[in-house]
Amino acid sequence: AVGDAGGFAPNVANHEAAIQMILEAIDKAGYTAGTQIALGLDCAASEFYKDGQYVLEGEGGIKLGAEAWTDMLASWVDKYPIISIEDGMHEGDWAGWKHLTERLGSKVQLVGDDLFVTNTKILKRGIDERIANSILIKINQIGTLTETFAAIEMAKRAGYTAVISHRSGETEDSTIADIAVGSNAGQIKTGSLSRSDRMAKYNQLLRIEEDLGDVASYPGRSAFYNLR
């Protein structure tokens, strides 16, 4: 099946089976995981947070508190070439986010999407409390370009990264590709290569690269400038 964001959704036994399938695909494509390609997870933890616990249906329905759930994420980070985790905790579980950040924030990008909702007031609280180390930027989530760029600049000043993002329901408008380059964000999240609404953004990035010529640069791992 293909999800709303253009991603492939095969039937797998558990969470790690999905990661292992991706690693196998990387290898079969002729690349090396961990050096040429790293992994990013979007946990969407708010979706499986119930009554103060993280309920993992794919793992037999086990229920984990924030610390135990952090332990599981940390074990995956140790085992697999994971460089980014988005929404690793429920949007309202600030204590859980704090624990996750203290545990993994120096070596993994911890992106707040549902946590920050592209809102500078919430982002400021996160910066003040040292919660997460990155913000997902959705232009139509906050509503204006002015507020969007304010959030990007606030993040950068605090040493947070900013990831320019699509939405689950998309069109072939490619504006976010221009914003990603124009804001020098260094990162864009715009889905898989299976649908034209996703491909439009990648094609625009290619056109921008052609226009820039030798001036264009690909940051690679240096885009994660706040990791050790």
N, C-alpha and C. Protein backbone atom coordinates (compact mmCIF):
# COMPACT_ATOMS: atom_id res chain seq x y z
N ALA A 1 0.83 -1.19 0.00
CA ALA A 1 0.00 0.00 0.00
C ALA A 1 0.87 1.25 0.00
N VAL A 2 0.29 2.36 -0.43
CA VAL A 2 0.99 3.64 -0.42
C VAL A 2 0.25 4.58 0.52
N GLY A 3 0.98 5.19 1.45
CA GLY A 3 0.36 6.07 2.44
C GLY A 3 0.08 7.45 1.90
N ASP A 4 -0.51 8.30 2.76
CA ASP A 4 -0.87 9.66 2.37
C ASP A 4 0.34 10.48 1.94
N ALA A 5 1.49 10.18 2.51
CA ALA A 5 2.70 10.94 2.18
C ALA A 5 3.50 10.30 1.06
N GLY A 6 2.90 9.33 0.37
CA GLY A 6 3.60 8.70 -0.74
C GLY A 6 4.54 7.59 -0.33
N GLY A 7 4.56 7.28 0.97
CA GLY A 7 5.45 6.23 1.45
C GLY A 7 4.86 4.85 1.27
N PHE A 8 5.72 3.87 1.15
CA PHE A 8 5.27 2.49 0.99
C PHE A 8 4.97 1.89 2.36
N ALA A 9 3.90 1.12 2.45
CA ALA A 9 3.46 0.56 3.72
C ALA A 9 3.26 -0.95 3.60
N PRO A 10 4.35 -1.71 3.60
CA PRO A 10 4.23 -3.17 3.51
C PRO A 10 3.80 -3.77 4.85
N ASN A 11 3.31 -4.98 4.81
CA ASN A 11 2.99 -5.70 6.03
C ASN A 11 4.27 -6.30 6.60
N VAL A 12 4.62 -5.89 7.79
CA VAL A 12 5.82 -6.41 8.45
C VAL A 12 5.47 -6.87 9.85
N ALA A 13 6.32 -7.71 10.42
CA ALA A 13 6.02 -8.33 11.71
C ALA A 13 6.09 -7.34 12.87
N ASN A 14 7.05 -6.41 12.81
CA ASN A 14 7.23 -5.47 13.92
C ASN A 14 8.04 -4.27 13.43
N HIS A 15 8.34 -3.38 14.36
CA HIS A 15 9.03 -2.14 13.99
C HIS A 15 10.42 -2.39 13.42
N GLU A 16 11.17 -3.25 14.06
CA GLU A 16 12.53 -3.50 13.58
C GLU A 16 12.55 -4.17 12.22
N ALA A 17 11.53 -4.96 11.92
CA ALA A 17 11.46 -5.60 10.60
C ALA A 17 11.36 -4.55 9.51
N ALA A 18 10.67 -3.45 9.80
CA ALA A 18 10.56 -2.36 8.82
C ALA A 18 11.92 -1.71 8.60
N ILE A 19 12.65 -1.47 9.69
CA ILE A 19 13.98 -0.88 9.57
C ILE A 19 14.91 -1.80 8.79
N GLN A 20 14.86 -3.08 9.09
CA GLN A 20 15.72 -4.04 8.41
C GLN A 20 15.39 -4.13 6.92
N MET A 21 14.12 -3.98 6.57
CA MET A 21 13.73 -3.99 5.17
C MET A 21 14.32 -2.80 4.42
N ILE A 22 14.33 -1.64 5.07
CA ILE A 22 14.91 -0.45 4.46
C ILE A 22 16.42 -0.63 4.28
N LEU A 23 17.07 -1.19 5.28
CA LEU A 23 18.51 -1.43 5.18
C LEU A 23 18.83 -2.40 4.04
N GLU A 24 18.00 -3.39 3.87
CA GLU A 24 18.19 -4.34 2.77
C GLU A 24 18.03 -3.64 1.42
N ALA A 25 17.05 -2.74 1.33
CA ALA A 25 16.84 -1.99 0.09
C ALA A 25 18.03 -1.09 -0.22
N ILE A 26 18.59 -0.46 0.82
CA ILE A 26 19.77 0.39 0.63
C ILE A 26 20.92 -0.43 0.07
N ASP A 27 21.13 -1.60 0.65
CA ASP A 27 22.23 -2.46 0.21
C ASP A 27 22.02 -2.93 -1.24
N LYS A 28 20.80 -3.32 -1.58
CA LYS A 28 20.52 -3.80 -2.93
C LYS A 28 20.63 -2.69 -3.97
N ALA A 29 20.46 -1.44 -3.52
CA ALA A 29 20.61 -0.30 -4.43
C ALA A 29 22.07 0.08 -4.63
N GLY A 30 22.96 -0.59 -3.90
CA GLY A 30 24.38 -0.33 -4.07
C GLY A 30 24.96 0.73 -3.17
N TYR A 31 24.22 1.09 -2.12
CA TYR A 31 24.70 2.11 -1.18
C TYR A 31 25.07 1.47 0.16
N THR A 32 25.78 2.25 0.97
CA THR A 32 26.19 1.77 2.28
C THR A 32 25.44 2.53 3.36
N ALA A 33 24.64 1.82 4.15
CA ALA A 33 23.89 2.45 5.24
C ALA A 33 24.86 2.91 6.32
N GLY A 34 24.62 4.13 6.80
CA GLY A 34 25.46 4.67 7.86
C GLY A 34 26.52 5.62 7.37
N THR A 35 26.97 5.44 6.12
CA THR A 35 27.95 6.36 5.55
C THR A 35 27.35 7.16 4.40
N GLN A 36 26.69 6.47 3.47
CA GLN A 36 26.06 7.17 2.35
C GLN A 36 24.60 7.52 2.61
N ILE A 37 23.93 6.69 3.37
CA ILE A 37 22.52 6.91 3.68
C ILE A 37 22.28 6.64 5.16
N ALA A 38 21.60 7.57 5.83
CA ALA A 38 21.20 7.38 7.23
C ALA A 38 19.68 7.34 7.29
N LEU A 39 19.16 6.88 8.40
CA LEU A 39 17.72 6.69 8.54
C LEU A 39 17.09 7.78 9.41
N GLY A 40 15.87 8.15 9.06
CA GLY A 40 15.07 9.06 9.88
C GLY A 40 13.74 8.40 10.20
N LEU A 41 13.33 8.45 11.45
CA LEU A 41 12.06 7.87 11.88
C LEU A 41 11.06 8.97 12.21
N ASP A 42 9.84 8.81 11.76
CA ASP A 42 8.74 9.66 12.22
C ASP A 42 7.83 8.77 13.06
N CYS A 43 8.04 8.83 14.37
CA CYS A 43 7.30 7.93 15.27
C CYS A 43 5.83 8.29 15.39
N ALA A 44 5.50 9.59 15.24
CA ALA A 44 4.12 10.05 15.43
C ALA A 44 3.57 9.50 16.75
N ALA A 45 4.35 9.68 17.82
CA ALA A 45 4.04 9.05 19.09
C ALA A 45 2.71 9.47 19.69
N SER A 46 2.21 10.64 19.31
CA SER A 46 0.90 11.07 19.82
C SER A 46 -0.20 10.12 19.39
N GLU A 47 0.03 9.37 18.31
CA GLU A 47 -0.99 8.47 17.78
C GLU A 47 -1.12 7.18 18.59
N PHE A 48 -0.10 6.82 19.36
CA PHE A 48 -0.20 5.58 20.14
C PHE A 48 0.05 5.81 21.64
N TYR A 49 -0.21 7.03 22.07
CA TYR A 49 -0.10 7.39 23.48
C TYR A 49 -1.48 7.32 24.11
N LYS A 50 -1.64 6.43 25.08
CA LYS A 50 -2.94 6.22 25.71
C LYS A 50 -2.79 6.13 27.22
N ASP A 51 -3.52 6.99 27.91
CA ASP A 51 -3.54 6.96 29.38
C ASP A 51 -2.13 7.02 29.97
N GLY A 52 -1.30 7.88 29.41
CA GLY A 52 0.03 8.10 29.97
C GLY A 52 1.07 7.07 29.58
N GLN A 53 0.72 6.19 28.65
CA GLN A 53 1.67 5.17 28.22
C GLN A 53 1.71 5.07 26.70
N TYR A 54 2.82 4.54 26.21
CA TYR A 54 3.00 4.33 24.77
C TYR A 54 2.67 2.87 24.47
N VAL A 55 1.58 2.67 23.73
CA VAL A 55 1.07 1.33 23.46
C VAL A 55 1.51 0.89 22.07
N LEU A 56 2.36 -0.11 22.00
CA LEU A 56 2.94 -0.56 20.74
C LEU A 56 2.20 -1.78 20.23
N GLU A 57 1.22 -1.54 19.38
CA GLU A 57 0.40 -2.63 18.84
C GLU A 57 1.25 -3.60 18.02
N GLY A 58 2.25 -3.07 17.32
CA GLY A 58 3.10 -3.92 16.50
C GLY A 58 4.08 -4.76 17.28
N GLU A 59 4.14 -4.52 18.58
CA GLU A 59 5.03 -5.30 19.45
C GLU A 59 4.20 -6.10 20.46
N GLY A 60 3.03 -6.54 20.04
CA GLY A 60 2.19 -7.33 20.93
C GLY A 60 1.35 -6.52 21.90
N GLY A 61 1.25 -5.21 21.63
CA GLY A 61 0.43 -4.37 22.50
C GLY A 61 1.08 -3.99 23.81
N ILE A 62 2.41 -4.09 23.88
CA ILE A 62 3.09 -3.74 25.13
C ILE A 62 2.91 -2.26 25.45
N LYS A 63 2.88 -1.96 26.74
CA LYS A 63 2.69 -0.59 27.20
C LYS A 63 3.96 -0.12 27.89
N LEU A 64 4.46 1.01 27.45
CA LEU A 64 5.71 1.53 27.97
C LEU A 64 5.53 2.95 28.49
N GLY A 65 6.16 3.25 29.62
CA GLY A 65 6.24 4.62 30.07
C GLY A 65 7.28 5.36 29.24
N ALA A 66 7.40 6.66 29.47
CA ALA A 66 8.31 7.47 28.66
C ALA A 66 9.75 6.99 28.74
N GLU A 67 10.20 6.60 29.93
CA GLU A 67 11.59 6.17 30.07
C GLU A 67 11.84 4.84 29.36
N ALA A 68 10.90 3.90 29.48
CA ALA A 68 11.06 2.61 28.80
C ALA A 68 10.98 2.77 27.29
N TRP A 69 10.10 3.67 26.83
CA TRP A 69 10.00 3.94 25.39
C TRP A 69 11.29 4.59 24.89
N THR A 70 11.86 5.49 25.69
CA THR A 70 13.15 6.08 25.34
C THR A 70 14.23 5.01 25.24
N ASP A 71 14.21 4.06 26.18
CA ASP A 71 15.18 2.96 26.14
C ASP A 71 15.08 2.19 24.82
N MET A 72 13.85 1.96 24.35
CA MET A 72 13.67 1.23 23.10
C MET A 72 14.22 2.03 21.92
N LEU A 73 13.91 3.34 21.89
CA LEU A 73 14.44 4.18 20.82
C LEU A 73 15.96 4.21 20.86
N ALA A 74 16.52 4.32 22.07
CA ALA A 74 17.97 4.35 22.22
C ALA A 74 18.61 3.06 21.73
N SER A 75 17.93 1.94 21.96
CA SER A 75 18.47 0.65 21.50
C SER A 75 18.50 0.60 19.98
N TRP A 76 17.50 1.19 19.33
CA TRP A 76 17.49 1.23 17.87
C TRP A 76 18.59 2.14 17.35
N VAL A 77 18.79 3.26 18.03
CA VAL A 77 19.85 4.19 17.61
C VAL A 77 21.22 3.52 17.71
N ASP A 78 21.41 2.71 18.75
CA ASP A 78 22.68 1.99 18.90
C ASP A 78 22.86 0.90 17.85
N LYS A 79 21.75 0.33 17.41
CA LYS A 79 21.79 -0.83 16.52
C LYS A 79 21.76 -0.47 15.04
N TYR A 80 21.08 0.65 14.71
CA TYR A 80 20.87 1.02 13.31
C TYR A 80 21.38 2.44 13.05
N PRO A 81 21.68 2.78 11.78
CA PRO A 81 22.20 4.11 11.46
C PRO A 81 21.10 5.18 11.42
N ILE A 82 20.50 5.43 12.57
CA ILE A 82 19.41 6.40 12.69
C ILE A 82 20.00 7.75 13.07
N ILE A 83 19.69 8.78 12.30
CA ILE A 83 20.22 10.11 12.58
C ILE A 83 19.14 11.09 12.98
N SER A 84 17.87 10.75 12.76
CA SER A 84 16.78 11.69 13.05
C SER A 84 15.55 10.94 13.54
N ILE A 85 14.93 11.47 14.60
CA ILE A 85 13.68 10.92 15.13
C ILE A 85 12.69 12.07 15.27
N GLU A 86 11.58 11.96 14.57
CA GLU A 86 10.53 12.98 14.64
C GLU A 86 9.40 12.52 15.55
N ASP A 87 8.90 13.45 16.35
CA ASP A 87 7.78 13.17 17.26
C ASP A 87 7.98 11.87 18.02
N GLY A 88 9.12 11.79 18.69
CA GLY A 88 9.43 10.60 19.48
C GLY A 88 8.59 10.46 20.72
N MET A 89 7.97 11.54 21.15
CA MET A 89 7.09 11.52 22.32
C MET A 89 5.77 12.20 21.98
N HIS A 90 4.77 11.97 22.81
CA HIS A 90 3.47 12.63 22.66
C HIS A 90 3.66 14.14 22.76
N GLU A 91 2.86 14.87 22.02
CA GLU A 91 3.01 16.33 21.99
C GLU A 91 2.83 16.99 23.34
N GLY A 92 2.08 16.35 24.25
CA GLY A 92 1.87 16.92 25.57
C GLY A 92 2.76 16.33 26.65
N ASP A 93 3.58 15.37 26.29
CA ASP A 93 4.44 14.70 27.26
C ASP A 93 5.79 15.41 27.32
N TRP A 94 5.78 16.59 27.90
CA TRP A 94 7.01 17.38 27.95
C TRP A 94 8.06 16.74 28.84
N ALA A 95 7.64 16.05 29.90
CA ALA A 95 8.60 15.34 30.74
C ALA A 95 9.27 14.22 29.95
N GLY A 96 8.48 13.53 29.13
CA GLY A 96 9.04 12.48 28.28
C GLY A 96 10.00 13.05 27.26
N TRP A 97 9.62 14.18 26.67
CA TRP A 97 10.51 14.85 25.71
C TRP A 97 11.82 15.26 26.37
N LYS A 98 11.73 15.74 27.60
CA LYS A 98 12.93 16.14 28.32
C LYS A 98 13.87 14.95 28.51
N HIS A 99 13.29 13.84 28.92
CA HIS A 99 14.09 12.63 29.13
C HIS A 99 14.71 12.16 27.82
N LEU A 100 13.93 12.16 26.75
CA LEU A 100 14.43 11.74 25.44
C LEU A 100 15.56 12.64 24.97
N THR A 101 15.40 13.95 25.16
CA THR A 101 16.43 14.90 24.73
C THR A 101 17.72 14.71 25.51
N GLU A 102 17.59 14.52 26.81
CA GLU A 102 18.78 14.32 27.63
C GLU A 102 19.51 13.04 27.25
N ARG A 103 18.75 12.05 26.83
CA ARG A 103 19.33 10.74 26.50
C ARG A 103 19.95 10.72 25.10
N LEU A 104 19.26 11.31 24.13
CA LEU A 104 19.69 11.15 22.74
C LEU A 104 20.00 12.46 22.01
N GLY A 105 19.74 13.59 22.64
CA GLY A 105 19.82 14.87 21.94
C GLY A 105 21.18 15.26 21.42
N SER A 106 22.25 14.64 21.92
CA SER A 106 23.59 15.01 21.45
C SER A 106 24.01 14.23 20.22
N LYS A 107 23.32 13.11 19.93
CA LYS A 107 23.75 12.30 18.79
C LYS A 107 22.67 12.02 17.76
N VAL A 108 21.43 12.43 18.04
CA VAL A 108 20.34 12.21 17.10
C VAL A 108 19.52 13.49 16.98
N GLN A 109 19.12 13.84 15.77
CA GLN A 109 18.21 14.97 15.58
C GLN A 109 16.83 14.58 16.11
N LEU A 110 16.32 15.37 17.04
CA LEU A 110 15.00 15.11 17.64
C LEU A 110 14.06 16.22 17.17
N VAL A 111 13.20 15.87 16.23
CA VAL A 111 12.37 16.86 15.55
C VAL A 111 11.00 16.97 16.21
N GLY A 112 10.61 18.20 16.52
CA GLY A 112 9.28 18.45 17.06
C GLY A 112 8.33 18.90 15.96
N ASP A 113 7.34 18.09 15.65
CA ASP A 113 6.30 18.45 14.70
C ASP A 113 5.02 18.75 15.47
N ASP A 114 4.33 17.71 15.92
CA ASP A 114 3.14 17.91 16.75
C ASP A 114 3.49 18.70 18.01
N LEU A 115 4.73 18.58 18.45
CA LEU A 115 5.18 19.29 19.65
C LEU A 115 5.18 20.80 19.46
N PHE A 116 5.73 21.29 18.35
CA PHE A 116 5.91 22.72 18.14
C PHE A 116 4.90 23.35 17.17
N VAL A 117 4.32 22.56 16.29
CA VAL A 117 3.36 23.02 15.27
C VAL A 117 3.75 24.35 14.61
N THR A 118 5.03 24.52 14.31
CA THR A 118 5.56 25.70 13.62
C THR A 118 5.20 27.00 14.34
N ASN A 119 5.07 26.93 15.64
CA ASN A 119 4.63 28.07 16.45
C ASN A 119 5.80 28.59 17.28
N THR A 120 6.15 29.87 17.10
CA THR A 120 7.32 30.42 17.78
C THR A 120 7.15 30.47 19.30
N LYS A 121 5.94 30.66 19.78
CA LYS A 121 5.73 30.69 21.23
C LYS A 121 6.03 29.33 21.86
N ILE A 122 5.55 28.27 21.20
CA ILE A 122 5.81 26.93 21.72
C ILE A 122 7.28 26.56 21.52
N LEU A 123 7.85 26.95 20.38
CA LEU A 123 9.26 26.69 20.13
C LEU A 123 10.13 27.36 21.18
N LYS A 124 9.80 28.59 21.55
CA LYS A 124 10.58 29.30 22.57
C LYS A 124 10.57 28.54 23.89
N ARG A 125 9.40 28.02 24.25
CA ARG A 125 9.33 27.22 25.48
C ARG A 125 10.25 26.00 25.37
N GLY A 126 10.22 25.35 24.20
CA GLY A 126 11.08 24.19 24.00
C GLY A 126 12.55 24.54 24.10
N ILE A 127 12.93 25.67 23.52
CA ILE A 127 14.32 26.12 23.60
C ILE A 127 14.70 26.42 25.04
N ASP A 128 13.83 27.14 25.74
CA ASP A 128 14.10 27.50 27.14
C ASP A 128 14.25 26.27 28.02
N GLU A 129 13.44 25.24 27.74
CA GLU A 129 13.46 24.03 28.57
C GLU A 129 14.37 22.94 27.99
N ARG A 130 15.05 23.27 26.88
CA ARG A 130 15.96 22.33 26.22
C ARG A 130 15.24 21.04 25.85
N ILE A 131 14.13 21.23 25.15
CA ILE A 131 13.32 20.13 24.66
C ILE A 131 13.55 19.98 23.16
N ALA A 132 13.88 18.77 22.70
CA ALA A 132 14.16 18.50 21.29
C ALA A 132 15.37 19.32 20.84
N ASN A 133 15.71 19.23 19.57
CA ASN A 133 16.80 20.04 19.02
C ASN A 133 16.55 20.41 17.56
N SER A 134 15.29 20.25 17.14
CA SER A 134 14.93 20.54 15.75
C SER A 134 13.43 20.79 15.67
N ILE A 135 13.02 21.55 14.67
CA ILE A 135 11.60 21.82 14.46
C ILE A 135 11.22 21.48 13.03
N LEU A 136 10.06 20.86 12.87
CA LEU A 136 9.51 20.63 11.54
C LEU A 136 8.73 21.87 11.13
N ILE A 137 8.98 22.36 9.94
CA ILE A 137 8.36 23.59 9.46
C ILE A 137 7.30 23.27 8.41
N LYS A 138 6.05 23.57 8.73
CA LYS A 138 4.94 23.39 7.79
C LYS A 138 4.30 24.75 7.55
N ILE A 139 4.44 25.24 6.34
CA ILE A 139 4.04 26.62 6.04
C ILE A 139 2.57 26.85 6.31
N ASN A 140 1.71 25.97 5.86
CA ASN A 140 0.28 26.22 6.04
C ASN A 140 -0.23 25.79 7.41
N GLN A 141 0.68 25.31 8.24
CA GLN A 141 0.30 24.98 9.61
C GLN A 141 0.24 26.25 10.47
N ILE A 142 1.21 27.13 10.27
CA ILE A 142 1.22 28.39 11.01
C ILE A 142 0.48 29.48 10.24
N GLY A 143 0.45 29.39 8.91
CA GLY A 143 -0.45 30.25 8.14
C GLY A 143 0.16 31.33 7.29
N THR A 144 1.34 31.86 7.66
CA THR A 144 1.93 32.93 6.85
C THR A 144 3.42 32.67 6.65
N LEU A 145 3.96 33.25 5.58
CA LEU A 145 5.40 33.13 5.34
C LEU A 145 6.20 33.88 6.40
N THR A 146 5.66 35.00 6.86
CA THR A 146 6.34 35.78 7.91
C THR A 146 6.56 34.93 9.15
N GLU A 147 5.51 34.26 9.59
CA GLU A 147 5.62 33.42 10.79
C GLU A 147 6.50 32.19 10.53
N THR A 148 6.44 31.70 9.31
CA THR A 148 7.28 30.56 8.94
C THR A 148 8.75 30.90 9.06
N PHE A 149 9.15 32.01 8.46
CA PHE A 149 10.56 32.40 8.50
C PHE A 149 10.99 32.81 9.91
N ALA A 150 10.07 33.34 10.69
CA ALA A 150 10.38 33.67 12.08
C ALA A 150 10.72 32.41 12.87
N ALA A 151 9.97 31.34 12.62
CA ALA A 151 10.23 30.08 13.31
C ALA A 151 11.58 29.49 12.88
N ILE A 152 11.88 29.57 11.59
CA ILE A 152 13.16 29.05 11.10
C ILE A 152 14.32 29.81 11.73
N GLU A 153 14.22 31.13 11.76
CA GLU A 153 15.31 31.94 12.31
C GLU A 153 15.46 31.74 13.81
N MET A 154 14.34 31.61 14.53
CA MET A 154 14.42 31.35 15.96
C MET A 154 15.12 30.03 16.23
N ALA A 155 14.78 29.02 15.44
CA ALA A 155 15.42 27.72 15.60
C ALA A 155 16.92 27.81 15.37
N LYS A 156 17.31 28.46 14.29
CA LYS A 156 18.73 28.55 13.96
C LYS A 156 19.51 29.30 15.03
N ARG A 157 18.94 30.38 15.53
CA ARG A 157 19.63 31.16 16.57
C ARG A 157 19.87 30.33 17.82
N ALA A 158 18.98 29.39 18.08
CA ALA A 158 19.10 28.56 19.28
C ALA A 158 19.93 27.30 19.03
N GLY A 159 20.42 27.14 17.80
CA GLY A 159 21.19 25.95 17.48
C GLY A 159 20.34 24.75 17.12
N TYR A 160 19.04 24.99 16.92
CA TYR A 160 18.14 23.94 16.46
C TYR A 160 18.18 23.88 14.93
N THR A 161 17.96 22.72 14.37
CA THR A 161 17.79 22.62 12.93
C THR A 161 16.33 22.85 12.57
N ALA A 162 16.09 23.20 11.32
CA ALA A 162 14.73 23.39 10.82
C ALA A 162 14.55 22.52 9.57
N VAL A 163 13.53 21.69 9.59
CA VAL A 163 13.26 20.77 8.49
C VAL A 163 11.99 21.24 7.77
N ILE A 164 12.13 21.68 6.54
CA ILE A 164 10.98 22.14 5.77
C ILE A 164 10.16 20.93 5.33
N SER A 165 8.85 20.98 5.56
CA SER A 165 8.05 19.78 5.36
C SER A 165 6.81 19.99 4.51
N HIS A 166 6.44 18.91 3.84
CA HIS A 166 5.15 18.81 3.15
C HIS A 166 4.04 18.56 4.18
N ARG A 167 2.83 18.32 3.69
CA ARG A 167 1.73 17.84 4.51
C ARG A 167 1.30 16.47 3.99
N SER A 168 0.53 15.77 4.78
CA SER A 168 0.09 14.42 4.38
C SER A 168 -0.74 14.47 3.10
N GLY A 169 -1.62 15.44 3.00
CA GLY A 169 -2.39 15.64 1.77
C GLY A 169 -1.74 16.75 0.98
N GLU A 170 -1.22 16.45 -0.20
CA GLU A 170 -0.42 17.42 -0.96
C GLU A 170 -0.96 17.64 -2.37
N THR A 171 -0.44 18.69 -3.00
CA THR A 171 -0.68 18.96 -4.42
C THR A 171 0.69 18.98 -5.10
N GLU A 172 0.71 19.33 -6.37
CA GLU A 172 1.98 19.40 -7.08
C GLU A 172 2.66 20.77 -6.95
N ASP A 173 2.15 21.61 -6.09
CA ASP A 173 2.82 22.88 -5.81
C ASP A 173 4.19 22.58 -5.20
N SER A 174 5.21 23.25 -5.69
CA SER A 174 6.58 22.95 -5.27
C SER A 174 7.22 24.06 -4.45
N THR A 175 6.41 24.94 -3.89
CA THR A 175 6.94 26.10 -3.17
C THR A 175 7.88 25.72 -2.04
N ILE A 176 7.60 24.62 -1.35
CA ILE A 176 8.44 24.29 -0.19
C ILE A 176 9.88 23.98 -0.61
N ALA A 177 10.09 23.55 -1.85
CA ALA A 177 11.45 23.33 -2.33
C ALA A 177 12.21 24.65 -2.40
N ASP A 178 11.53 25.69 -2.89
CA ASP A 178 12.15 27.02 -2.96
C ASP A 178 12.42 27.56 -1.56
N ILE A 179 11.49 27.34 -0.65
CA ILE A 179 11.67 27.83 0.72
C ILE A 179 12.82 27.10 1.41
N ALA A 180 12.94 25.80 1.17
CA ALA A 180 14.02 25.04 1.79
C ALA A 180 15.38 25.57 1.36
N VAL A 181 15.51 25.88 0.07
CA VAL A 181 16.78 26.41 -0.44
C VAL A 181 16.96 27.87 -0.03
N GLY A 182 15.90 28.67 -0.19
CA GLY A 182 16.00 30.09 0.10
C GLY A 182 16.28 30.40 1.56
N SER A 183 15.79 29.56 2.46
CA SER A 183 16.01 29.78 3.89
C SER A 183 17.29 29.11 4.37
N ASN A 184 17.97 28.40 3.46
CA ASN A 184 19.19 27.68 3.81
C ASN A 184 18.95 26.70 4.96
N ALA A 185 17.78 26.09 4.95
CA ALA A 185 17.44 25.15 6.02
C ALA A 185 18.33 23.91 5.97
N GLY A 186 18.66 23.47 4.76
CA GLY A 186 19.53 22.31 4.64
C GLY A 186 18.81 20.98 4.62
N GLN A 187 17.53 20.99 5.01
CA GLN A 187 16.77 19.74 5.04
C GLN A 187 15.35 19.95 4.53
N ILE A 188 14.85 18.95 3.81
CA ILE A 188 13.46 18.97 3.37
C ILE A 188 12.88 17.58 3.55
N LYS A 189 11.65 17.53 3.98
CA LYS A 189 10.92 16.26 4.12
C LYS A 189 9.72 16.34 3.19
N THR A 190 9.73 15.53 2.14
CA THR A 190 8.62 15.66 1.19
C THR A 190 8.18 14.33 0.60
N GLY A 191 8.38 13.26 1.37
CA GLY A 191 7.78 11.99 0.99
C GLY A 191 8.60 11.12 0.07
N SER A 192 7.99 10.02 -0.30
CA SER A 192 8.64 9.02 -1.14
C SER A 192 8.58 9.42 -2.61
N LEU A 193 9.07 8.54 -3.46
CA LEU A 193 9.15 8.84 -4.89
C LEU A 193 8.04 8.15 -5.67
N SER A 194 6.92 7.91 -5.04
CA SER A 194 5.89 7.10 -5.68
C SER A 194 4.72 7.89 -6.25
N ARG A 195 4.66 9.20 -5.98
CA ARG A 195 3.51 9.97 -6.48
C ARG A 195 3.97 11.33 -6.99
N SER A 196 3.21 11.86 -7.95
CA SER A 196 3.63 13.10 -8.60
C SER A 196 3.63 14.29 -7.65
N ASP A 197 2.75 14.30 -6.64
CA ASP A 197 2.73 15.42 -5.71
C ASP A 197 4.01 15.47 -4.88
N ARG A 198 4.68 14.35 -4.72
CA ARG A 198 5.97 14.32 -4.02
C ARG A 198 7.11 14.61 -5.00
N MET A 199 7.04 13.99 -6.17
CA MET A 199 8.09 14.15 -7.17
C MET A 199 8.25 15.60 -7.60
N ALA A 200 7.16 16.36 -7.58
CA ALA A 200 7.22 17.76 -8.02
C ALA A 200 8.23 18.55 -7.20
N LYS A 201 8.32 18.26 -5.91
CA LYS A 201 9.26 18.98 -5.05
C LYS A 201 10.71 18.61 -5.39
N TYR A 202 10.94 17.32 -5.59
CA TYR A 202 12.30 16.88 -5.94
C TYR A 202 12.72 17.43 -7.30
N ASN A 203 11.79 17.45 -8.23
CA ASN A 203 12.10 18.01 -9.55
C ASN A 203 12.45 19.49 -9.46
N GLN A 204 11.75 20.21 -8.59
CA GLN A 204 12.06 21.63 -8.41
C GLN A 204 13.44 21.81 -7.81
N LEU A 205 13.82 20.95 -6.88
CA LEU A 205 15.17 21.01 -6.32
C LEU A 205 16.22 20.80 -7.41
N LEU A 206 15.95 19.89 -8.33
CA LEU A 206 16.87 19.67 -9.45
C LEU A 206 16.97 20.90 -10.34
N ARG A 207 15.83 21.55 -10.58
CA ARG A 207 15.84 22.77 -11.40
C ARG A 207 16.62 23.88 -10.71
N ILE A 208 16.44 24.00 -9.40
CA ILE A 208 17.18 25.02 -8.64
C ILE A 208 18.68 24.75 -8.73
N GLU A 209 19.06 23.49 -8.59
CA GLU A 209 20.48 23.13 -8.69
C GLU A 209 21.04 23.50 -10.06
N GLU A 210 20.27 23.27 -11.10
CA GLU A 210 20.71 23.62 -12.46
C GLU A 210 20.91 25.13 -12.57
N ASP A 211 19.99 25.90 -12.00
CA ASP A 211 20.09 27.36 -12.06
C ASP A 211 21.31 27.87 -11.28
N LEU A 212 21.56 27.26 -10.13
CA LEU A 212 22.66 27.72 -9.28
C LEU A 212 24.03 27.32 -9.82
N GLY A 213 24.06 26.22 -10.53
CA GLY A 213 25.33 25.76 -11.09
C GLY A 213 26.33 25.41 -9.99
N ASP A 214 27.56 25.92 -10.14
CA ASP A 214 28.62 25.59 -9.19
C ASP A 214 28.38 26.16 -7.80
N VAL A 215 27.48 27.12 -7.69
CA VAL A 215 27.19 27.73 -6.39
C VAL A 215 26.40 26.76 -5.50
N ALA A 216 25.67 25.85 -6.12
CA ALA A 216 24.85 24.90 -5.36
C ALA A 216 25.74 24.01 -4.51
N SER A 217 25.28 23.73 -3.30
CA SER A 217 26.04 22.84 -2.42
C SER A 217 25.09 21.85 -1.75
N TYR A 218 25.58 20.65 -1.54
CA TYR A 218 24.82 19.62 -0.85
C TYR A 218 25.46 19.40 0.51
N PRO A 219 24.79 19.76 1.60
CA PRO A 219 25.44 19.72 2.91
C PRO A 219 25.71 18.33 3.45
N GLY A 220 24.92 17.33 3.03
CA GLY A 220 25.12 16.00 3.57
C GLY A 220 24.97 15.99 5.08
N ARG A 221 25.85 15.27 5.75
CA ARG A 221 25.75 15.14 7.21
C ARG A 221 25.93 16.47 7.93
N SER A 222 26.59 17.44 7.30
CA SER A 222 26.79 18.73 7.96
C SER A 222 25.48 19.49 8.16
N ALA A 223 24.39 19.04 7.52
CA ALA A 223 23.08 19.65 7.76
C ALA A 223 22.64 19.42 9.20
N PHE A 224 23.19 18.40 9.83
CA PHE A 224 22.88 18.11 11.23
C PHE A 224 23.95 18.77 12.11
N TYR A 225 24.00 20.08 12.04
CA TYR A 225 25.11 20.81 12.63
C TYR A 225 25.10 20.84 14.14
N ASN A 226 24.02 20.40 14.77
CA ASN A 226 23.96 20.45 16.23
C ASN A 226 24.24 19.10 16.88
N LEU A 227 24.69 18.14 16.09
CA LEU A 227 25.01 16.82 16.64
C LEU A 227 26.52 16.67 16.79
N ARG A 228 26.92 15.90 17.76
CA ARG A 228 28.34 15.69 18.02
C ARG A 228 28.89 14.56 17.16
